[in-house]
Amino acid sequence: QLQLVESGGGLVQPGGSLRLSCAASGFTFSSSAMSWYRQAPGKERELVARISSGGGSTNYADSAKGRFTISRDNAKNTVYLQMNSLKPEDTAVYYCNAREVLLLHEFNYWGQGTQVTVSS
């Protein structure tokens, strides 16, 4: 059964840190690019960070550069998002995404999301 299960969200004060985790199962994790997206109330879902299947390439939204770090552990089928210097505008539901390519067809899988609230 295919699953992406996020954890690590919560309430944090501005300037604080959180580490999100996404545990994957049911597909070939090590061959899949992984991403974190977020969606704030009333806004569209946006890409936060992406990491290649082997972990050698990453890219970030401008809003995340210098503060967030995406990483993965292919032995544990888990992707992480370390978030530092959090701001109130980082408040959103954060979603894990997997992009798997099979026989030239691209499949996208989503987790259920984890709430991050940055507030004093």
C-alpha atoms as a PDB file:
ATOM      1  CA  GLN A   1       0.000   0.000   0.000  1.00  0.00           C
ATOM      2  CA  LEU A   2       1.393   3.349  -1.066  1.00  0.00           C
ATOM      3  CA  GLN A   3       1.817   5.788   1.811  1.00  0.00           C
ATOM      4  CA  LEU A   4       3.465   9.078   2.561  1.00  0.00           C
ATOM      5  CA  VAL A   5       3.155   9.934   6.228  1.00  0.00           C
ATOM      6  CA  GLU A   6       4.300  13.352   7.409  1.00  0.00           C
ATOM      7  CA  SER A   7       5.151  14.181  10.982  1.00  0.00           C
ATOM      8  CA  GLY A   8       6.909  16.863  12.989  1.00  0.00           C
ATOM      9  CA  GLY A   9       4.559  19.778  12.537  1.00  0.00           C
ATOM     10  CA  GLY A  10       3.304  21.889  15.378  1.00  0.00           C
ATOM     11  CA  LEU A  11       3.230  25.308  16.976  1.00  0.00           C
ATOM     12  CA  VAL A  12       6.509  27.200  17.193  1.00  0.00           C
ATOM     13  CA  GLN A  13       7.465  30.757  18.026  1.00  0.00           C
ATOM     14  CA  PRO A  14       8.968  33.060  15.409  1.00  0.00           C
ATOM     15  CA  GLY A  15      12.666  32.358  15.066  1.00  0.00           C
ATOM     16  CA  GLY A  16      12.227  28.771  16.148  1.00  0.00           C
ATOM     17  CA  SER A  17      12.909  25.529  14.327  1.00  0.00           C
ATOM     18  CA  LEU A  18      11.032  22.423  13.301  1.00  0.00           C
ATOM     19  CA  ARG A  19      12.036  19.260  11.508  1.00  0.00           C
ATOM     20  CA  LEU A  20       9.443  17.603   9.328  1.00  0.00           C
ATOM     21  CA  SER A  21       9.704  13.957   8.353  1.00  0.00           C
ATOM     22  CA  CYS A  22       7.943  11.998   5.628  1.00  0.00           C
ATOM     23  CA  ALA A  23       8.024   8.222   5.795  1.00  0.00           C
ATOM     24  CA  ALA A  24       7.361   6.538   2.460  1.00  0.00           C
ATOM     25  CA  SER A  25       6.236   3.061   1.520  1.00  0.00           C
ATOM     26  CA  GLY A  26       4.635   1.218  -1.358  1.00  0.00           C
ATOM     27  CA  PHE A  27       6.788   2.554  -4.186  1.00  0.00           C
ATOM     28  CA  THR A  28      10.454   2.759  -5.133  1.00  0.00           C
ATOM     29  CA  PHE A  29      11.542   5.587  -2.886  1.00  0.00           C
ATOM     30  CA  SER A  30      15.184   5.556  -3.939  1.00  0.00           C
ATOM     31  CA  SER A  31      14.211   6.181  -7.560  1.00  0.00           C
ATOM     32  CA  SER A  32      11.812   9.006  -6.807  1.00  0.00           C
ATOM     33  CA  ALA A  33      12.378  12.725  -6.539  1.00  0.00           C
ATOM     34  CA  MET A  34      10.899  14.031  -3.307  1.00  0.00           C
ATOM     35  CA  SER A  35       9.500  17.432  -2.517  1.00  0.00           C
ATOM     36  CA  TRP A  36       7.871  19.453   0.204  1.00  0.00           C
ATOM     37  CA  TYR A  37       4.991  21.726  -0.675  1.00  0.00           C
ATOM     38  CA  ARG A  38       2.920  23.965   1.530  1.00  0.00           C
ATOM     39  CA  GLN A  39      -0.486  25.555   1.400  1.00  0.00           C
ATOM     40  CA  ALA A  40      -1.534  28.485   3.527  1.00  0.00           C
ATOM     41  CA  PRO A  41      -5.220  29.379   4.044  1.00  0.00           C
ATOM     42  CA  GLY A  42      -6.631  31.041   0.963  1.00  0.00           C
ATOM     43  CA  LYS A  43      -3.498  30.444  -1.065  1.00  0.00           C
ATOM     44  CA  GLU A  44      -2.407  27.953  -3.674  1.00  0.00           C
ATOM     45  CA  ARG A  45      -0.135  25.071  -2.857  1.00  0.00           C
ATOM     46  CA  GLU A  46       3.482  26.026  -3.517  1.00  0.00           C
ATOM     47  CA  LEU A  47       6.751  24.171  -3.821  1.00  0.00           C
ATOM     48  CA  VAL A  48       9.079  24.664  -0.870  1.00  0.00           C
ATOM     49  CA  ALA A  49      11.982  22.338  -1.653  1.00  0.00           C
ATOM     50  CA  ARG A  50      12.867  19.394  -3.872  1.00  0.00           C
ATOM     51  CA  ILE A  51      15.578  16.756  -3.734  1.00  0.00           C
ATOM     52  CA  SER A  52      16.656  14.357  -6.447  1.00  0.00           C
ATOM     53  CA  SER A  53      16.374  10.610  -6.068  1.00  0.00           C
ATOM     54  CA  GLY A  54      20.006  10.219  -5.047  1.00  0.00           C
ATOM     55  CA  GLY A  55      20.071  13.332  -2.926  1.00  0.00           C
ATOM     56  CA  GLY A  56      22.746  15.049  -4.957  1.00  0.00           C
ATOM     57  CA  SER A  57      20.583  17.865  -6.225  1.00  0.00           C
ATOM     58  CA  THR A  58      18.284  20.178  -4.311  1.00  0.00           C
ATOM     59  CA  ASN A  59      16.354  23.299  -5.073  1.00  0.00           C
ATOM     60  CA  TYR A  60      14.376  25.697  -2.957  1.00  0.00           C
ATOM     61  CA  ALA A  61      11.762  28.362  -3.217  1.00  0.00           C
ATOM     62  CA  ASP A  62      13.212  31.817  -2.691  1.00  0.00           C
ATOM     63  CA  SER A  63      11.298  32.051   0.584  1.00  0.00           C
ATOM     64  CA  ALA A  64      13.062  28.922   1.876  1.00  0.00           C
ATOM     65  CA  LYS A  65      16.618  29.565   0.749  1.00  0.00           C
ATOM     66  CA  GLY A  66      19.065  29.919   3.595  1.00  0.00           C
ATOM     67  CA  ARG A  67      16.538  28.819   6.211  1.00  0.00           C
ATOM     68  CA  PHE A  68      15.253  25.393   5.143  1.00  0.00           C
ATOM     69  CA  THR A  69      17.191  22.254   4.272  1.00  0.00           C
ATOM     70  CA  ILE A  70      15.752  19.214   2.528  1.00  0.00           C
ATOM     71  CA  SER A  71      17.475  15.865   2.929  1.00  0.00           C
ATOM     72  CA  ARG A  72      16.693  12.192   2.506  1.00  0.00           C
ATOM     73  CA  ASP A  73      17.718   8.825   3.839  1.00  0.00           C
ATOM     74  CA  ASN A  74      17.111   6.194   1.188  1.00  0.00           C
ATOM     75  CA  ALA A  75      17.898   3.423   3.655  1.00  0.00           C
ATOM     76  CA  LYS A  76      14.976   4.588   5.794  1.00  0.00           C
ATOM     77  CA  ASN A  77      12.679   5.661   2.949  1.00  0.00           C
ATOM     78  CA  THR A  78      12.352   9.037   4.624  1.00  0.00           C
ATOM     79  CA  VAL A  79      12.685  12.627   3.508  1.00  0.00           C
ATOM     80  CA  TYR A  80      13.181  15.519   5.901  1.00  0.00           C
ATOM     81  CA  LEU A  81      12.701  19.257   5.946  1.00  0.00           C
ATOM     82  CA  GLN A  82      14.715  21.152   8.532  1.00  0.00           C
ATOM     83  CA  MET A  83      13.172  24.565   9.019  1.00  0.00           C
ATOM     84  CA  ASN A  84      15.061  27.246  10.898  1.00  0.00           C
ATOM     85  CA  SER A  85      14.395  30.921  11.601  1.00  0.00           C
ATOM     86  CA  LEU A  86      10.696  30.338  11.127  1.00  0.00           C
ATOM     87  CA  LYS A  87       8.434  33.272  10.355  1.00  0.00           C
ATOM     88  CA  PRO A  88       4.686  33.722  10.761  1.00  0.00           C
ATOM     89  CA  GLU A  89       4.373  33.616   6.979  1.00  0.00           C
ATOM     90  CA  ASP A  90       5.673  30.032   7.051  1.00  0.00           C
ATOM     91  CA  THR A  91       2.401  29.007   8.661  1.00  0.00           C
ATOM     92  CA  ALA A  92       0.781  26.434   6.384  1.00  0.00           C
ATOM     93  CA  VAL A  93      -0.035  22.796   5.919  1.00  0.00           C
ATOM     94  CA  TYR A  94       3.116  21.099   4.648  1.00  0.00           C
ATOM     95  CA  TYR A  95       2.767  18.213   2.218  1.00  0.00           C
ATOM     96  CA  CYS A  96       5.229  15.571   1.153  1.00  0.00           C
ATOM     97  CA  ASN A  97       5.287  14.713  -2.540  1.00  0.00           C
ATOM     98  CA  ALA A  98       6.913  11.868  -4.430  1.00  0.00           C
ATOM     99  CA  ARG A  99       7.458  11.868  -8.169  1.00  0.00           C
ATOM    100  CA  GLU A 100       8.048   8.439  -9.638  1.00  0.00           C
ATOM    101  CA  VAL A 101       8.699   7.752 -13.315  1.00  0.00           C
ATOM    102  CA  LEU A 102       7.627   4.321 -14.576  1.00  0.00           C
ATOM    103  CA  LEU A 103       7.897   3.418 -18.248  1.00  0.00           C
ATOM    104  CA  LEU A 104       8.108   7.112 -19.162  1.00  0.00           C
ATOM    105  CA  HIS A 105       4.943   7.896 -17.193  1.00  0.00           C
ATOM    106  CA  GLU A 106       5.169  10.253 -14.251  1.00  0.00           C
ATOM    107  CA  PHE A 107       3.219   9.524 -11.087  1.00  0.00           C
ATOM    108  CA  ASN A 108       2.791  11.956  -8.234  1.00  0.00           C
ATOM    109  CA  TYR A 109       1.948  10.819  -4.723  1.00  0.00           C
ATOM    110  CA  TRP A 110       0.912  13.007  -1.798  1.00  0.00           C
ATOM    111  CA  GLY A 111       0.837  12.739   1.941  1.00  0.00           C
ATOM    112  CA  GLN A 112      -2.016  13.963   4.100  1.00  0.00           C
ATOM    113  CA  GLY A 113      -0.120  17.020   5.320  1.00  0.00           C
ATOM    114  CA  THR A 114       1.128  18.305   8.639  1.00  0.00           C
ATOM    115  CA  GLN A 115       0.223  21.675  10.118  1.00  0.00           C
ATOM    116  CA  VAL A 116       2.973  24.158  10.911  1.00  0.00           C
ATOM    117  CA  THR A 117       1.945  27.244  12.858  1.00  0.00           C
ATOM    118  CA  VAL A 118       4.440  29.995  13.610  1.00  0.00           C
ATOM    119  CA  SER A 119       3.069  32.355  16.208  1.00  0.00           C
ATOM    120  CA  SER A 120       3.996  34.039  19.453  1.00  0.00           C
END
